[in-house]
Amino acid sequence: MESILKNKSYDFAIRIIKLNQYLINDKKEFVLSKQVLRSGTGIGALVREAEFGQSRADFTSKMSIALKEANETDYWLSLLKDSKYLKDKEYNSLKSDIDELIKLLITSVKTSKKNQTK
C-alpha cells in the first residue's frame, strides 16, 4: 500500500501546485492558496519521510502527521469552494482525491500501530 500511497500523494501534490498557480494567476488569491499548497504538498513529503523512518514508531508518527496534513488540506479545499474560488466540478475532483488519500493514510496508520504492539 505504501507504493500506492506514495504515488497518489505525489500526483495529488502536482495537482495542488497547479491549483496554487491557478489561484494566484487567475483568481489573485494569495493567502488560502499558500495554505493549501503547504498542506497539500506536505502529505507526500511526509509519506516519503516515513518510507525511511528510523523505527516503526517513527514511521507511524510521520504517517499520522501526513494524515493531519490531509485533513487540513480537506479544510482548505472546502473553504476555497465555499468562498467561490473553486467551482463545484474542480472541488469535487480534488475532494475525491483527498478523501482517497485520507482513507489510505488511516489504513496505513492503523496497520502500523497494530504492528507496533506485536
N, C-alpha and C. Protein backbone atom coordinates (compact mmCIF):
# COMPACT_ATOMS: atom_id res chain seq x y z
N MET A 1 0.82 -1.20 0.00
CA MET A 1 0.00 0.00 0.00
C MET A 1 0.86 1.26 0.00
N GLU A 2 2.04 1.21 0.63
CA GLU A 2 2.87 2.40 0.69
C GLU A 2 3.21 2.94 -0.70
N SER A 3 3.43 2.03 -1.66
CA SER A 3 3.74 2.47 -3.01
C SER A 3 2.55 3.19 -3.63
N ILE A 4 1.36 2.67 -3.43
CA ILE A 4 0.15 3.32 -3.93
C ILE A 4 0.01 4.69 -3.27
N LEU A 5 0.21 4.72 -1.97
CA LEU A 5 0.12 5.97 -1.21
C LEU A 5 1.18 6.96 -1.66
N LYS A 6 2.37 6.47 -1.89
CA LYS A 6 3.47 7.32 -2.36
C LYS A 6 3.12 7.95 -3.71
N ASN A 7 2.63 7.14 -4.63
CA ASN A 7 2.28 7.63 -5.97
C ASN A 7 1.09 8.59 -5.94
N LYS A 8 0.06 8.21 -5.20
CA LYS A 8 -1.14 9.05 -5.15
C LYS A 8 -0.87 10.38 -4.45
N SER A 9 -0.07 10.37 -3.40
CA SER A 9 0.24 11.62 -2.70
C SER A 9 1.12 12.52 -3.57
N TYR A 10 2.00 11.93 -4.36
CA TYR A 10 2.83 12.71 -5.28
C TYR A 10 1.96 13.34 -6.38
N ASP A 11 1.09 12.53 -6.98
CA ASP A 11 0.19 13.04 -8.02
C ASP A 11 -0.71 14.14 -7.47
N PHE A 12 -1.16 13.96 -6.24
CA PHE A 12 -2.01 14.97 -5.61
C PHE A 12 -1.22 16.26 -5.40
N ALA A 13 0.02 16.15 -5.00
CA ALA A 13 0.87 17.34 -4.80
C ALA A 13 1.00 18.12 -6.11
N ILE A 14 1.15 17.42 -7.21
CA ILE A 14 1.23 18.09 -8.52
C ILE A 14 -0.08 18.85 -8.79
N ARG A 15 -1.20 18.22 -8.50
CA ARG A 15 -2.50 18.89 -8.69
C ARG A 15 -2.60 20.13 -7.81
N ILE A 16 -2.10 20.03 -6.59
CA ILE A 16 -2.16 21.16 -5.66
C ILE A 16 -1.26 22.30 -6.14
N ILE A 17 -0.12 21.97 -6.68
CA ILE A 17 0.78 23.00 -7.22
C ILE A 17 0.08 23.72 -8.37
N LYS A 18 -0.58 22.97 -9.24
CA LYS A 18 -1.32 23.58 -10.36
C LYS A 18 -2.49 24.42 -9.84
N LEU A 19 -3.15 23.94 -8.80
CA LEU A 19 -4.24 24.70 -8.18
C LEU A 19 -3.70 26.02 -7.63
N ASN A 20 -2.57 25.95 -6.97
CA ASN A 20 -1.93 27.15 -6.42
C ASN A 20 -1.63 28.16 -7.51
N GLN A 21 -1.07 27.69 -8.61
CA GLN A 21 -0.76 28.58 -9.73
C GLN A 21 -2.04 29.22 -10.29
N TYR A 22 -3.09 28.43 -10.42
CA TYR A 22 -4.37 28.92 -10.91
C TYR A 22 -4.94 29.99 -9.96
N LEU A 23 -4.91 29.70 -8.66
CA LEU A 23 -5.46 30.64 -7.68
C LEU A 23 -4.70 31.96 -7.69
N ILE A 24 -3.40 31.89 -7.81
CA ILE A 24 -2.58 33.11 -7.82
C ILE A 24 -2.74 33.87 -9.14
N ASN A 25 -2.58 33.17 -10.25
CA ASN A 25 -2.59 33.84 -11.55
C ASN A 25 -3.98 34.27 -12.02
N ASP A 26 -4.98 33.41 -11.84
CA ASP A 26 -6.31 33.70 -12.37
C ASP A 26 -7.24 34.36 -11.36
N LYS A 27 -7.14 33.95 -10.11
CA LYS A 27 -8.07 34.44 -9.10
C LYS A 27 -7.46 35.52 -8.19
N LYS A 28 -6.16 35.72 -8.31
CA LYS A 28 -5.44 36.70 -7.48
C LYS A 28 -5.68 36.45 -5.99
N GLU A 29 -5.67 35.18 -5.63
CA GLU A 29 -5.88 34.77 -4.25
C GLU A 29 -4.53 34.29 -3.73
N PHE A 30 -4.02 34.91 -2.66
CA PHE A 30 -2.65 34.65 -2.21
C PHE A 30 -2.55 34.01 -0.83
N VAL A 31 -3.58 34.05 -0.03
CA VAL A 31 -3.49 33.54 1.34
C VAL A 31 -3.92 32.07 1.42
N LEU A 32 -5.14 31.77 1.01
CA LEU A 32 -5.62 30.39 1.04
C LEU A 32 -4.79 29.50 0.12
N SER A 33 -4.37 30.05 -1.01
CA SER A 33 -3.56 29.28 -1.96
C SER A 33 -2.25 28.82 -1.32
N LYS A 34 -1.67 29.66 -0.51
CA LYS A 34 -0.41 29.31 0.17
C LYS A 34 -0.65 28.22 1.22
N GLN A 35 -1.77 28.32 1.91
CA GLN A 35 -2.09 27.32 2.93
C GLN A 35 -2.33 25.94 2.32
N VAL A 36 -3.13 25.91 1.25
CA VAL A 36 -3.43 24.62 0.62
C VAL A 36 -2.18 24.05 -0.07
N LEU A 37 -1.32 24.92 -0.56
CA LEU A 37 -0.06 24.47 -1.16
C LEU A 37 0.81 23.79 -0.11
N ARG A 38 0.93 24.42 1.05
CA ARG A 38 1.78 23.87 2.11
C ARG A 38 1.25 22.52 2.61
N SER A 39 -0.03 22.48 2.95
CA SER A 39 -0.56 21.24 3.50
C SER A 39 -0.70 20.15 2.42
N GLY A 40 -1.12 20.55 1.23
CA GLY A 40 -1.35 19.57 0.16
C GLY A 40 -0.08 18.90 -0.36
N THR A 41 1.02 19.66 -0.38
CA THR A 41 2.30 19.06 -0.80
C THR A 41 2.99 18.37 0.37
N GLY A 42 2.64 18.77 1.58
CA GLY A 42 3.25 18.17 2.77
C GLY A 42 2.89 16.70 2.94
N ILE A 43 1.73 16.31 2.45
CA ILE A 43 1.29 14.92 2.59
C ILE A 43 2.31 13.97 1.97
N GLY A 44 2.62 14.21 0.71
CA GLY A 44 3.57 13.35 0.00
C GLY A 44 4.97 13.40 0.59
N ALA A 45 5.37 14.58 1.04
CA ALA A 45 6.70 14.72 1.65
C ALA A 45 6.80 13.87 2.92
N LEU A 46 5.74 13.86 3.71
CA LEU A 46 5.74 13.06 4.94
C LEU A 46 5.68 11.56 4.64
N VAL A 47 4.93 11.20 3.61
CA VAL A 47 4.89 9.79 3.20
C VAL A 47 6.29 9.34 2.80
N ARG A 48 6.99 10.19 2.06
CA ARG A 48 8.36 9.86 1.65
C ARG A 48 9.29 9.78 2.86
N GLU A 49 9.13 10.71 3.80
CA GLU A 49 9.94 10.66 5.03
C GLU A 49 9.71 9.37 5.79
N ALA A 50 8.45 8.97 5.89
CA ALA A 50 8.08 7.77 6.63
C ALA A 50 8.72 6.52 6.03
N GLU A 51 8.90 6.56 4.72
CA GLU A 51 9.49 5.43 4.00
C GLU A 51 10.84 5.02 4.60
N PHE A 52 11.58 6.00 5.10
CA PHE A 52 12.88 5.72 5.70
C PHE A 52 12.90 6.06 7.18
N GLY A 53 11.75 5.84 7.83
CA GLY A 53 11.65 6.09 9.26
C GLY A 53 12.68 5.29 10.03
N GLN A 54 13.12 5.85 11.13
CA GLN A 54 14.16 5.20 11.94
C GLN A 54 13.63 3.99 12.70
N SER A 55 12.32 3.94 12.87
CA SER A 55 11.70 2.84 13.60
C SER A 55 10.24 2.74 13.18
N ARG A 56 9.57 1.72 13.64
CA ARG A 56 8.14 1.59 13.36
C ARG A 56 7.39 2.77 13.97
N ALA A 57 7.81 3.18 15.16
CA ALA A 57 7.16 4.33 15.82
C ALA A 57 7.37 5.62 15.01
N ASP A 58 8.56 5.78 14.46
CA ASP A 58 8.84 6.97 13.63
C ASP A 58 7.98 6.94 12.36
N PHE A 59 7.87 5.77 11.75
CA PHE A 59 7.03 5.59 10.57
C PHE A 59 5.58 5.97 10.90
N THR A 60 5.08 5.44 12.01
CA THR A 60 3.70 5.72 12.42
C THR A 60 3.49 7.20 12.68
N SER A 61 4.46 7.82 13.31
CA SER A 61 4.37 9.25 13.60
C SER A 61 4.31 10.08 12.33
N LYS A 62 5.17 9.78 11.37
CA LYS A 62 5.19 10.52 10.10
C LYS A 62 3.87 10.32 9.33
N MET A 63 3.38 9.11 9.33
CA MET A 63 2.12 8.84 8.63
C MET A 63 0.95 9.53 9.33
N SER A 64 1.01 9.60 10.65
CA SER A 64 -0.04 10.30 11.41
C SER A 64 -0.02 11.79 11.10
N ILE A 65 1.16 12.36 10.96
CA ILE A 65 1.28 13.78 10.60
C ILE A 65 0.78 13.99 9.17
N ALA A 66 1.10 13.06 8.29
CA ALA A 66 0.60 13.14 6.90
C ALA A 66 -0.93 13.13 6.90
N LEU A 67 -1.53 12.32 7.76
CA LEU A 67 -2.98 12.26 7.88
C LEU A 67 -3.53 13.61 8.37
N LYS A 68 -2.85 14.23 9.32
CA LYS A 68 -3.27 15.55 9.79
C LYS A 68 -3.19 16.58 8.66
N GLU A 69 -2.13 16.52 7.87
CA GLU A 69 -1.98 17.43 6.73
C GLU A 69 -3.09 17.21 5.70
N ALA A 70 -3.44 15.95 5.48
CA ALA A 70 -4.51 15.64 4.54
C ALA A 70 -5.84 16.21 5.04
N ASN A 71 -6.10 16.07 6.32
CA ASN A 71 -7.32 16.61 6.90
C ASN A 71 -7.34 18.14 6.79
N GLU A 72 -6.19 18.76 7.03
CA GLU A 72 -6.09 20.22 6.90
C GLU A 72 -6.32 20.64 5.44
N THR A 73 -5.77 19.89 4.51
CA THR A 73 -5.95 20.19 3.08
C THR A 73 -7.43 20.11 2.72
N ASP A 74 -8.12 19.12 3.25
CA ASP A 74 -9.55 18.98 3.03
C ASP A 74 -10.28 20.25 3.51
N TYR A 75 -9.86 20.77 4.64
CA TYR A 75 -10.44 22.00 5.18
C TYR A 75 -10.24 23.18 4.23
N TRP A 76 -8.98 23.36 3.76
CA TRP A 76 -8.70 24.49 2.85
C TRP A 76 -9.47 24.36 1.55
N LEU A 77 -9.59 23.15 1.04
CA LEU A 77 -10.35 22.93 -0.19
C LEU A 77 -11.82 23.30 0.00
N SER A 78 -12.38 22.94 1.15
CA SER A 78 -13.77 23.31 1.46
C SER A 78 -13.93 24.82 1.52
N LEU A 79 -12.98 25.48 2.15
CA LEU A 79 -13.02 26.95 2.22
C LEU A 79 -12.95 27.57 0.83
N LEU A 80 -12.08 27.03 0.00
CA LEU A 80 -11.94 27.55 -1.36
C LEU A 80 -13.24 27.38 -2.16
N LYS A 81 -13.91 26.26 -1.95
CA LYS A 81 -15.19 26.02 -2.63
C LYS A 81 -16.26 26.97 -2.09
N ASP A 82 -16.38 27.03 -0.79
CA ASP A 82 -17.45 27.82 -0.18
C ASP A 82 -17.25 29.32 -0.34
N SER A 83 -16.02 29.74 -0.59
CA SER A 83 -15.76 31.16 -0.85
C SER A 83 -15.74 31.47 -2.35
N LYS A 84 -16.13 30.46 -3.13
CA LYS A 84 -16.32 30.61 -4.59
C LYS A 84 -15.03 30.77 -5.39
N TYR A 85 -13.90 30.37 -4.80
CA TYR A 85 -12.66 30.36 -5.58
C TYR A 85 -12.58 29.11 -6.45
N LEU A 86 -13.27 28.04 -6.00
CA LEU A 86 -13.33 26.80 -6.78
C LEU A 86 -14.77 26.53 -7.18
N LYS A 87 -14.95 26.11 -8.42
CA LYS A 87 -16.27 25.67 -8.87
C LYS A 87 -16.50 24.26 -8.35
N ASP A 88 -17.75 23.85 -8.31
CA ASP A 88 -18.09 22.52 -7.78
C ASP A 88 -17.33 21.40 -8.48
N LYS A 89 -17.21 21.48 -9.80
CA LYS A 89 -16.53 20.43 -10.57
C LYS A 89 -15.06 20.32 -10.15
N GLU A 90 -14.39 21.45 -10.02
CA GLU A 90 -12.97 21.46 -9.60
C GLU A 90 -12.85 20.90 -8.19
N TYR A 91 -13.72 21.39 -7.33
CA TYR A 91 -13.69 20.95 -5.94
C TYR A 91 -13.94 19.45 -5.83
N ASN A 92 -14.99 18.96 -6.50
CA ASN A 92 -15.35 17.55 -6.39
C ASN A 92 -14.23 16.63 -6.83
N SER A 93 -13.50 17.02 -7.85
CA SER A 93 -12.37 16.22 -8.32
C SER A 93 -11.26 16.17 -7.26
N LEU A 94 -10.93 17.31 -6.69
CA LEU A 94 -9.91 17.36 -5.64
C LEU A 94 -10.39 16.68 -4.37
N LYS A 95 -11.67 16.85 -4.05
CA LYS A 95 -12.26 16.23 -2.85
C LYS A 95 -12.18 14.71 -2.94
N SER A 96 -12.45 14.19 -4.11
CA SER A 96 -12.37 12.75 -4.31
C SER A 96 -10.95 12.25 -4.03
N ASP A 97 -9.96 12.98 -4.54
CA ASP A 97 -8.56 12.59 -4.32
C ASP A 97 -8.15 12.69 -2.86
N ILE A 98 -8.54 13.77 -2.18
CA ILE A 98 -8.12 13.92 -0.78
C ILE A 98 -8.84 12.89 0.10
N ASP A 99 -10.08 12.58 -0.22
CA ASP A 99 -10.79 11.54 0.55
C ASP A 99 -10.10 10.19 0.41
N GLU A 100 -9.65 9.89 -0.80
CA GLU A 100 -8.95 8.62 -1.03
C GLU A 100 -7.62 8.60 -0.26
N LEU A 101 -6.89 9.71 -0.28
CA LEU A 101 -5.64 9.78 0.47
C LEU A 101 -5.88 9.62 1.96
N ILE A 102 -6.92 10.25 2.47
CA ILE A 102 -7.23 10.13 3.90
C ILE A 102 -7.53 8.68 4.26
N LYS A 103 -8.30 8.00 3.44
CA LYS A 103 -8.62 6.58 3.70
C LYS A 103 -7.36 5.73 3.69
N LEU A 104 -6.49 5.95 2.70
CA LEU A 104 -5.24 5.18 2.63
C LEU A 104 -4.35 5.46 3.85
N LEU A 105 -4.29 6.71 4.26
CA LEU A 105 -3.46 7.07 5.42
C LEU A 105 -4.02 6.49 6.71
N ILE A 106 -5.34 6.51 6.86
CA ILE A 106 -5.96 5.92 8.06
C ILE A 106 -5.61 4.43 8.13
N THR A 107 -5.75 3.75 7.01
CA THR A 107 -5.42 2.32 6.97
C THR A 107 -3.96 2.08 7.30
N SER A 108 -3.08 2.89 6.74
CA SER A 108 -1.65 2.75 6.99
C SER A 108 -1.30 2.97 8.46
N VAL A 109 -1.88 4.02 9.04
CA VAL A 109 -1.61 4.33 10.45
C VAL A 109 -2.13 3.21 11.35
N LYS A 110 -3.36 2.75 11.09
CA LYS A 110 -3.94 1.67 11.90
C LYS A 110 -3.10 0.41 11.82
N THR A 111 -2.70 0.04 10.61
CA THR A 111 -1.88 -1.16 10.42
C THR A 111 -0.54 -1.01 11.12
N SER A 112 0.05 0.15 10.99
CA SER A 112 1.36 0.40 11.61
C SER A 112 1.26 0.34 13.13
N LYS A 113 0.21 0.92 13.69
CA LYS A 113 0.02 0.88 15.15
C LYS A 113 -0.21 -0.54 15.63
N LYS A 114 -0.97 -1.31 14.86
CA LYS A 114 -1.23 -2.70 15.20
C LYS A 114 0.07 -3.50 15.19
N ASN A 115 0.89 -3.28 14.17
CA ASN A 115 2.17 -3.98 14.06
C ASN A 115 3.17 -3.54 15.12
N GLN A 116 3.01 -2.32 15.62
CA GLN A 116 3.90 -1.80 16.66
C GLN A 116 3.73 -2.55 17.96
N THR A 117 2.53 -3.00 18.22
CA THR A 117 2.24 -3.66 19.50
C THR A 117 2.57 -5.15 19.47
N LYS A 118 2.95 -5.65 18.32
CA LYS A 118 3.29 -7.08 18.21
C LYS A 118 4.68 -7.33 18.72
